[in-house]
Amino acid sequence: MHESSLMHMARFRDQFLDECKGQALLIADLGSYDVNGSYRPLFERHSWRYLGLDVSTGPNVDVVLTDPYCWRALATNSIDVMISGQAFEHIEFFWLTTLELSRVLKPGGLCCLIAPSSGPEHRYPVDCWRFYSDGMRALMYYAGLEVLDVYTNRQSTGWQDDSGIWQDSVVVARQLEKPFRRRWREWLRYRCRHLLLPSNRTPKIDININGN
């Protein structure tokens, strides 16, 4: 877990969750496998529960997702806060993962996604994408979420671990109350989404967040 990513996630916690210190929150971390650090210490509060999600068993993984595009282990509208850092560049069909994120997030729930806009290739086992602010914004709109904050960190120096090379993009978004027709369309899309995948592609990939 690089230094700048921890800073961005701490900023999200302080700016958007400060008023929720005493509330019971279920905070799910997509791509939580701990190689060289994790976000878990940032969310250690008496009333908060941190839930690590990844496709591989290992340290800091509480729930193993057998399919990154269909999270059968998580119920619809069950998560208060969804976080993810340094994972989306490794997810081949990241827009499908975002639809799952939207499905499990409660109305009014928040998400914070962090992904690099730059940096060298680092395959875990694949490295597919880089994201800019506009791309993060578009992804949230696609998933039906309201964008609250989005930016790309251009600070390239000053980090002890040289993590400025990644120039992370960060988006914070909120789940909206949705009318019945919208919820019905999303349910139908959820049921049919695997038809969008190539028939020769097995959708099981490593999404651990600590490769960079």
C-alpha atoms as a PDB file:
ATOM      1  CA  MET A   1       0.000   0.000   0.000  1.00  0.00           C
ATOM      2  CA  HIS A   2       1.757   3.133  -1.090  1.00  0.00           C
ATOM      3  CA  GLU A   3       1.950   6.247   1.053  1.00  0.00           C
ATOM      4  CA  SER A   4      -0.056   8.598  -1.149  1.00  0.00           C
ATOM      5  CA  SER A   5      -2.952   6.129  -1.404  1.00  0.00           C
ATOM      6  CA  LEU A   6      -3.192   5.945   2.386  1.00  0.00           C
ATOM      7  CA  MET A   7      -3.251   9.751   2.482  1.00  0.00           C
ATOM      8  CA  HIS A   8      -6.114   9.947  -0.020  1.00  0.00           C
ATOM      9  CA  MET A   9      -8.170   7.353   1.865  1.00  0.00           C
ATOM     10  CA  ALA A  10      -7.542   9.100   5.192  1.00  0.00           C
ATOM     11  CA  ARG A  11      -8.704  12.334   3.575  1.00  0.00           C
ATOM     12  CA  PHE A  12     -11.935  10.630   2.520  1.00  0.00           C
ATOM     13  CA  ARG A  13     -12.503   9.299   6.033  1.00  0.00           C
ATOM     14  CA  ASP A  14     -11.891  12.663   7.673  1.00  0.00           C
ATOM     15  CA  GLN A  15     -13.921  14.698   5.200  1.00  0.00           C
ATOM     16  CA  PHE A  16     -16.915  12.429   4.599  1.00  0.00           C
ATOM     17  CA  LEU A  17     -17.179  10.084   7.608  1.00  0.00           C
ATOM     18  CA  ASP A  18     -16.271  12.404  10.474  1.00  0.00           C
ATOM     19  CA  GLU A  19     -19.938  12.884  11.410  1.00  0.00           C
ATOM     20  CA  CYS A  20     -20.453   9.099  11.433  1.00  0.00           C
ATOM     21  CA  LYS A  21     -17.948   8.246  14.185  1.00  0.00           C
ATOM     22  CA  GLY A  22     -20.666   7.068  16.522  1.00  0.00           C
ATOM     23  CA  GLN A  23     -22.819   5.349  13.907  1.00  0.00           C
ATOM     24  CA  ALA A  24     -22.768   1.661  13.093  1.00  0.00           C
ATOM     25  CA  LEU A  25     -21.202   1.388   9.634  1.00  0.00           C
ATOM     26  CA  LEU A  26     -20.294  -1.629   7.526  1.00  0.00           C
ATOM     27  CA  ILE A  27     -17.251  -0.596   5.488  1.00  0.00           C
ATOM     28  CA  ALA A  28     -16.247  -2.986   2.688  1.00  0.00           C
ATOM     29  CA  ASP A  29     -12.800  -2.813   1.092  1.00  0.00           C
ATOM     30  CA  LEU A  30     -12.655  -4.259  -2.428  1.00  0.00           C
ATOM     31  CA  GLY A  31      -9.223  -5.753  -3.094  1.00  0.00           C
ATOM     32  CA  SER A  32      -8.169  -5.953   0.538  1.00  0.00           C
ATOM     33  CA  TYR A  33      -5.429  -8.607   0.354  1.00  0.00           C
ATOM     34  CA  ASP A  34      -2.593  -7.283   2.513  1.00  0.00           C
ATOM     35  CA  VAL A  35       0.833  -7.551   0.909  1.00  0.00           C
ATOM     36  CA  ASN A  36       2.502  -4.445   2.343  1.00  0.00           C
ATOM     37  CA  GLY A  37      -0.268  -2.677   4.235  1.00  0.00           C
ATOM     38  CA  SER A  38      -3.995  -2.060   4.094  1.00  0.00           C
ATOM     39  CA  TYR A  39      -6.680   0.525   4.797  1.00  0.00           C
ATOM     40  CA  ARG A  40      -8.018  -1.403   7.796  1.00  0.00           C
ATOM     41  CA  PRO A  41      -6.253   0.711  10.477  1.00  0.00           C
ATOM     42  CA  LEU A  42      -7.857   3.854   9.027  1.00  0.00           C
ATOM     43  CA  PHE A  43     -11.335   2.550   9.823  1.00  0.00           C
ATOM     44  CA  GLU A  44     -10.847   1.098  13.285  1.00  0.00           C
ATOM     45  CA  ARG A  45     -13.726   2.625  15.225  1.00  0.00           C
ATOM     46  CA  HIS A  46     -15.777   1.025  17.976  1.00  0.00           C
ATOM     47  CA  SER A  47     -19.026   1.241  16.005  1.00  0.00           C
ATOM     48  CA  TRP A  48     -17.555   0.498  12.566  1.00  0.00           C
ATOM     49  CA  ARG A  49     -17.054  -2.912  11.016  1.00  0.00           C
ATOM     50  CA  TYR A  50     -14.405  -3.323   8.312  1.00  0.00           C
ATOM     51  CA  LEU A  51     -14.934  -6.127   5.784  1.00  0.00           C
ATOM     52  CA  GLY A  52     -12.076  -7.116   3.487  1.00  0.00           C
ATOM     53  CA  LEU A  53     -13.089  -8.415   0.050  1.00  0.00           C
ATOM     54  CA  ASP A  54     -10.847 -10.112  -2.496  1.00  0.00           C
ATOM     55  CA  VAL A  55     -10.868 -12.983  -4.983  1.00  0.00           C
ATOM     56  CA  SER A  56      -8.040 -14.765  -3.132  1.00  0.00           C
ATOM     57  CA  THR A  57      -7.780 -16.040   0.414  1.00  0.00           C
ATOM     58  CA  GLY A  58      -5.071 -14.394   2.472  1.00  0.00           C
ATOM     59  CA  PRO A  59      -4.259 -11.783   5.114  1.00  0.00           C
ATOM     60  CA  ASN A  60      -6.917  -9.099   5.583  1.00  0.00           C
ATOM     61  CA  VAL A  61      -9.478 -10.973   3.455  1.00  0.00           C
ATOM     62  CA  ASP A  62     -12.755 -11.620   5.270  1.00  0.00           C
ATOM     63  CA  VAL A  63     -14.899 -12.564   2.269  1.00  0.00           C
ATOM     64  CA  VAL A  64     -13.636 -14.305  -0.869  1.00  0.00           C
ATOM     65  CA  LEU A  65     -15.453 -13.221  -4.022  1.00  0.00           C
ATOM     66  CA  THR A  66     -15.502 -16.148  -6.430  1.00  0.00           C
ATOM     67  CA  ASP A  67     -16.404 -13.816  -9.289  1.00  0.00           C
ATOM     68  CA  PRO A  68     -15.332 -10.140  -9.441  1.00  0.00           C
ATOM     69  CA  TYR A  69     -18.439  -9.344 -11.503  1.00  0.00           C
ATOM     70  CA  CYS A  70     -21.079 -11.113  -9.416  1.00  0.00           C
ATOM     71  CA  TRP A  71     -20.777 -10.860  -5.640  1.00  0.00           C
ATOM     72  CA  ARG A  72     -23.111 -13.597  -4.457  1.00  0.00           C
ATOM     73  CA  ALA A  73     -21.776 -13.286  -0.915  1.00  0.00           C
ATOM     74  CA  LEU A  74     -23.124  -9.725  -0.552  1.00  0.00           C
ATOM     75  CA  ALA A  75     -26.800  -8.804  -0.472  1.00  0.00           C
ATOM     76  CA  THR A  76     -28.278  -5.853  -2.325  1.00  0.00           C
ATOM     77  CA  ASN A  77     -28.322  -2.619  -0.261  1.00  0.00           C
ATOM     78  CA  SER A  78     -26.147  -4.146   2.470  1.00  0.00           C
ATOM     79  CA  ILE A  79     -23.026  -1.935   2.582  1.00  0.00           C
ATOM     80  CA  ASP A  80     -22.795   1.541   4.145  1.00  0.00           C
ATOM     81  CA  VAL A  81     -19.378   2.471   2.729  1.00  0.00           C
ATOM     82  CA  MET A  82     -17.446   0.863  -0.114  1.00  0.00           C
ATOM     83  CA  ILE A  83     -13.755   1.647  -0.522  1.00  0.00           C
ATOM     84  CA  SER A  84     -11.179   0.417  -3.012  1.00  0.00           C
ATOM     85  CA  GLY A  85      -7.659   1.468  -3.830  1.00  0.00           C
ATOM     86  CA  GLN A  86      -5.175   0.265  -6.434  1.00  0.00           C
ATOM     87  CA  ALA A  87      -7.553  -2.438  -7.637  1.00  0.00           C
ATOM     88  CA  PHE A  88      -9.483  -1.126 -10.630  1.00  0.00           C
ATOM     89  CA  GLU A  89      -6.458  -0.969 -12.932  1.00  0.00           C
ATOM     90  CA  HIS A  90      -6.182  -4.752 -12.501  1.00  0.00           C
ATOM     91  CA  ILE A  91      -9.852  -5.527 -13.254  1.00  0.00           C
ATOM     92  CA  GLU A  92     -10.389  -6.328 -16.911  1.00  0.00           C
ATOM     93  CA  PHE A  93     -14.092  -5.397 -17.067  1.00  0.00           C
ATOM     94  CA  PHE A  94     -14.107  -2.790 -14.319  1.00  0.00           C
ATOM     95  CA  TRP A  95     -17.455  -1.294 -15.368  1.00  0.00           C
ATOM     96  CA  LEU A  96     -19.182  -4.558 -14.436  1.00  0.00           C
ATOM     97  CA  THR A  97     -17.503  -4.498 -11.038  1.00  0.00           C
ATOM     98  CA  THR A  98     -18.791  -0.954 -10.579  1.00  0.00           C
ATOM     99  CA  LEU A  99     -22.344  -2.141 -11.190  1.00  0.00           C
ATOM    100  CA  GLU A 100     -21.895  -4.656  -8.378  1.00  0.00           C
ATOM    101  CA  LEU A 101     -20.552  -1.910  -6.145  1.00  0.00           C
ATOM    102  CA  SER A 102     -23.671   0.117  -6.852  1.00  0.00           C
ATOM    103  CA  ARG A 103     -25.939  -2.864  -6.211  1.00  0.00           C
ATOM    104  CA  VAL A 104     -24.630  -3.617  -2.731  1.00  0.00           C
ATOM    105  CA  LEU A 105     -24.383   0.018  -1.582  1.00  0.00           C
ATOM    106  CA  LYS A 106     -27.248   1.231   0.593  1.00  0.00           C
ATOM    107  CA  PRO A 107     -29.244   4.321  -0.434  1.00  0.00           C
ATOM    108  CA  GLY A 108     -27.237   7.237   0.908  1.00  0.00           C
ATOM    109  CA  GLY A 109     -24.156   5.037   1.161  1.00  0.00           C
ATOM    110  CA  LEU A 110     -20.740   6.333   0.121  1.00  0.00           C
ATOM    111  CA  CYS A 111     -17.912   4.943  -1.941  1.00  0.00           C
ATOM    112  CA  CYS A 112     -14.314   6.024  -2.443  1.00  0.00           C
ATOM    113  CA  LEU A 113     -12.276   4.625  -5.327  1.00  0.00           C
ATOM    114  CA  ILE A 114      -8.564   5.270  -5.882  1.00  0.00           C
ATOM    115  CA  ALA A 115      -6.728   4.216  -9.041  1.00  0.00           C
ATOM    116  CA  PRO A 116      -3.557   5.396 -10.785  1.00  0.00           C
ATOM    117  CA  SER A 117      -3.529   7.781 -13.722  1.00  0.00           C
ATOM    118  CA  SER A 118       0.155   7.082 -14.400  1.00  0.00           C
ATOM    119  CA  GLY A 119       3.020   4.801 -13.422  1.00  0.00           C
ATOM    120  CA  PRO A 120       4.767   1.746 -14.877  1.00  0.00           C
ATOM    121  CA  GLU A 121       3.100  -1.526 -15.753  1.00  0.00           C
ATOM    122  CA  HIS A 122       2.624  -3.782 -12.716  1.00  0.00           C
ATOM    123  CA  ARG A 123       0.779  -6.977 -13.544  1.00  0.00           C
ATOM    124  CA  TYR A 124      -1.124  -8.758 -10.723  1.00  0.00           C
ATOM    125  CA  PRO A 125      -1.608 -10.784 -12.909  1.00  0.00           C
ATOM    126  CA  VAL A 126      -2.827  -8.135 -15.378  1.00  0.00           C
ATOM    127  CA  ASP A 127      -2.502  -4.356 -15.542  1.00  0.00           C
ATOM    128  CA  CYS A 128      -5.158  -3.031 -17.911  1.00  0.00           C
ATOM    129  CA  TRP A 129      -6.111   0.571 -17.205  1.00  0.00           C
ATOM    130  CA  ARG A 130      -5.266   4.069 -16.002  1.00  0.00           C
ATOM    131  CA  PHE A 131      -7.917   6.561 -14.855  1.00  0.00           C
ATOM    132  CA  TYR A 132      -8.314  10.339 -15.028  1.00  0.00           C
ATOM    133  CA  SER A 133     -10.842  12.453 -13.144  1.00  0.00           C
ATOM    134  CA  ASP A 134     -13.272  12.535 -16.064  1.00  0.00           C
ATOM    135  CA  GLY A 135     -13.096   8.764 -16.363  1.00  0.00           C
ATOM    136  CA  MET A 136     -13.850   8.334 -12.656  1.00  0.00           C
ATOM    137  CA  ARG A 137     -16.781  10.732 -12.953  1.00  0.00           C
ATOM    138  CA  ALA A 138     -18.156   8.905 -15.985  1.00  0.00           C
ATOM    139  CA  LEU A 139     -17.860   5.557 -14.211  1.00  0.00           C
ATOM    140  CA  MET A 140     -19.934   6.798 -11.289  1.00  0.00           C
ATOM    141  CA  TYR A 141     -22.582   8.193 -13.628  1.00  0.00           C
ATOM    142  CA  TYR A 142     -22.702   4.833 -15.413  1.00  0.00           C
ATOM    143  CA  ALA A 143     -23.362   3.111 -12.082  1.00  0.00           C
ATOM    144  CA  GLY A 144     -26.068   5.621 -11.101  1.00  0.00           C
ATOM    145  CA  LEU A 145     -24.072   7.250  -8.295  1.00  0.00           C
ATOM    146  CA  GLU A 146     -23.865  10.934  -7.395  1.00  0.00           C
ATOM    147  CA  VAL A 147     -20.323  12.316  -7.581  1.00  0.00           C
ATOM    148  CA  LEU A 148     -19.377  14.322  -4.480  1.00  0.00           C
ATOM    149  CA  ASP A 149     -15.676  14.816  -5.144  1.00  0.00           C
ATOM    150  CA  VAL A 150     -13.208  13.830  -7.855  1.00  0.00           C
ATOM    151  CA  TYR A 151      -9.599  14.801  -8.469  1.00  0.00           C
ATOM    152  CA  THR A 152      -6.254  13.566  -9.776  1.00  0.00           C
ATOM    153  CA  ASN A 153      -3.204  13.998  -7.582  1.00  0.00           C
ATOM    154  CA  ARG A 154      -0.448  15.687  -9.585  1.00  0.00           C
ATOM    155  CA  GLN A 155       2.076  15.780  -6.734  1.00  0.00           C
ATOM    156  CA  SER A 156       4.947  13.673  -8.054  1.00  0.00           C
ATOM    157  CA  THR A 157       7.536  14.335  -5.324  1.00  0.00           C
ATOM    158  CA  GLY A 158       7.715  14.438  -1.546  1.00  0.00           C
ATOM    159  CA  TRP A 159       6.767  10.817  -0.860  1.00  0.00           C
ATOM    160  CA  GLN A 160       9.298   8.621   0.916  1.00  0.00           C
ATOM    161  CA  ASP A 161       8.235   5.612  -1.147  1.00  0.00           C
ATOM    162  CA  ASP A 162       8.130   7.541  -4.462  1.00  0.00           C
ATOM    163  CA  SER A 163       4.417   6.817  -4.706  1.00  0.00           C
ATOM    164  CA  GLY A 164       3.873  10.085  -6.554  1.00  0.00           C
ATOM    165  CA  ILE A 165       4.656   8.215  -9.771  1.00  0.00           C
ATOM    166  CA  TRP A 166       1.113   6.830  -9.722  1.00  0.00           C
ATOM    167  CA  GLN A 167      -0.613  10.251  -9.644  1.00  0.00           C
ATOM    168  CA  ASP A 168      -3.747   8.640  -8.284  1.00  0.00           C
ATOM    169  CA  SER A 169      -7.236   9.640  -9.317  1.00  0.00           C
ATOM    170  CA  VAL A 170      -9.808   9.663  -6.535  1.00  0.00           C
ATOM    171  CA  VAL A 171     -13.591   9.741  -6.671  1.00  0.00           C
ATOM    172  CA  VAL A 172     -16.115   9.931  -3.844  1.00  0.00           C
ATOM    173  CA  ALA A 173     -19.737   9.190  -4.714  1.00  0.00           C
ATOM    174  CA  ARG A 174     -23.068   8.558  -3.030  1.00  0.00           C
ATOM    175  CA  GLN A 175     -25.827   6.073  -3.741  1.00  0.00           C
ATOM    176  CA  LEU A 176     -29.167   7.694  -4.508  1.00  0.00           C
ATOM    177  CA  GLU A 177     -32.700   6.724  -3.620  1.00  0.00           C
ATOM    178  CA  LYS A 178     -33.971   5.049  -6.784  1.00  0.00           C
ATOM    179  CA  PRO A 179     -37.510   4.749  -8.102  1.00  0.00           C
ATOM    180  CA  PHE A 180     -38.958   1.309  -8.729  1.00  0.00           C
ATOM    181  CA  ARG A 181     -38.422   1.467 -12.496  1.00  0.00           C
ATOM    182  CA  ARG A 182     -34.729   2.249 -12.077  1.00  0.00           C
ATOM    183  CA  ARG A 183     -34.301  -0.554  -9.548  1.00  0.00           C
ATOM    184  CA  TRP A 184     -36.068  -2.982 -11.883  1.00  0.00           C
ATOM    185  CA  ARG A 185     -33.784  -2.041 -14.774  1.00  0.00           C
ATOM    186  CA  GLU A 186     -30.715  -2.516 -12.586  1.00  0.00           C
ATOM    187  CA  TRP A 187     -31.960  -5.921 -11.428  1.00  0.00           C
ATOM    188  CA  LEU A 188     -32.439  -6.976 -15.032  1.00  0.00           C
ATOM    189  CA  ARG A 189     -28.963  -5.708 -15.930  1.00  0.00           C
ATOM    190  CA  TYR A 190     -27.560  -7.588 -12.950  1.00  0.00           C
ATOM    191  CA  ARG A 191     -29.144 -10.835 -14.118  1.00  0.00           C
ATOM    192  CA  CYS A 192     -27.886 -10.423 -17.689  1.00  0.00           C
ATOM    193  CA  ARG A 193     -24.443  -8.931 -17.169  1.00  0.00           C
ATOM    194  CA  HIS A 194     -22.503 -12.137 -17.820  1.00  0.00           C
ATOM    195  CA  LEU A 195     -23.879 -12.104 -21.342  1.00  0.00           C
ATOM    196  CA  LEU A 196     -21.640  -9.063 -21.849  1.00  0.00           C
ATOM    197  CA  LEU A 197     -18.486 -11.069 -21.163  1.00  0.00           C
ATOM    198  CA  PRO A 198     -16.635 -12.903 -23.953  1.00  0.00           C
ATOM    199  CA  SER A 199     -17.667 -16.532 -23.973  1.00  0.00           C
ATOM    200  CA  ASN A 200     -14.046 -17.691 -23.851  1.00  0.00           C
ATOM    201  CA  ARG A 201     -13.080 -15.552 -20.843  1.00  0.00           C
ATOM    202  CA  THR A 202     -13.150 -16.945 -17.345  1.00  0.00           C
ATOM    203  CA  PRO A 203     -13.839 -13.924 -15.098  1.00  0.00           C
ATOM    204  CA  LYS A 204     -11.522 -14.837 -12.256  1.00  0.00           C
ATOM    205  CA  ILE A 205      -8.660 -12.408 -11.771  1.00  0.00           C
ATOM    206  CA  ASP A 206      -6.499 -11.131  -8.946  1.00  0.00           C
ATOM    207  CA  ILE A 207      -7.734  -7.776  -7.676  1.00  0.00           C
ATOM    208  CA  ASN A 208      -5.481  -7.317  -4.663  1.00  0.00           C
ATOM    209  CA  ILE A 209      -4.738  -3.652  -4.123  1.00  0.00           C
ATOM    210  CA  ASN A 210      -1.179  -3.804  -2.921  1.00  0.00           C
ATOM    211  CA  GLY A 211       0.765  -4.435  -6.087  1.00  0.00           C
ATOM    212  CA  ASN A 212       1.976  -0.861  -6.395  1.00  0.00           C
END
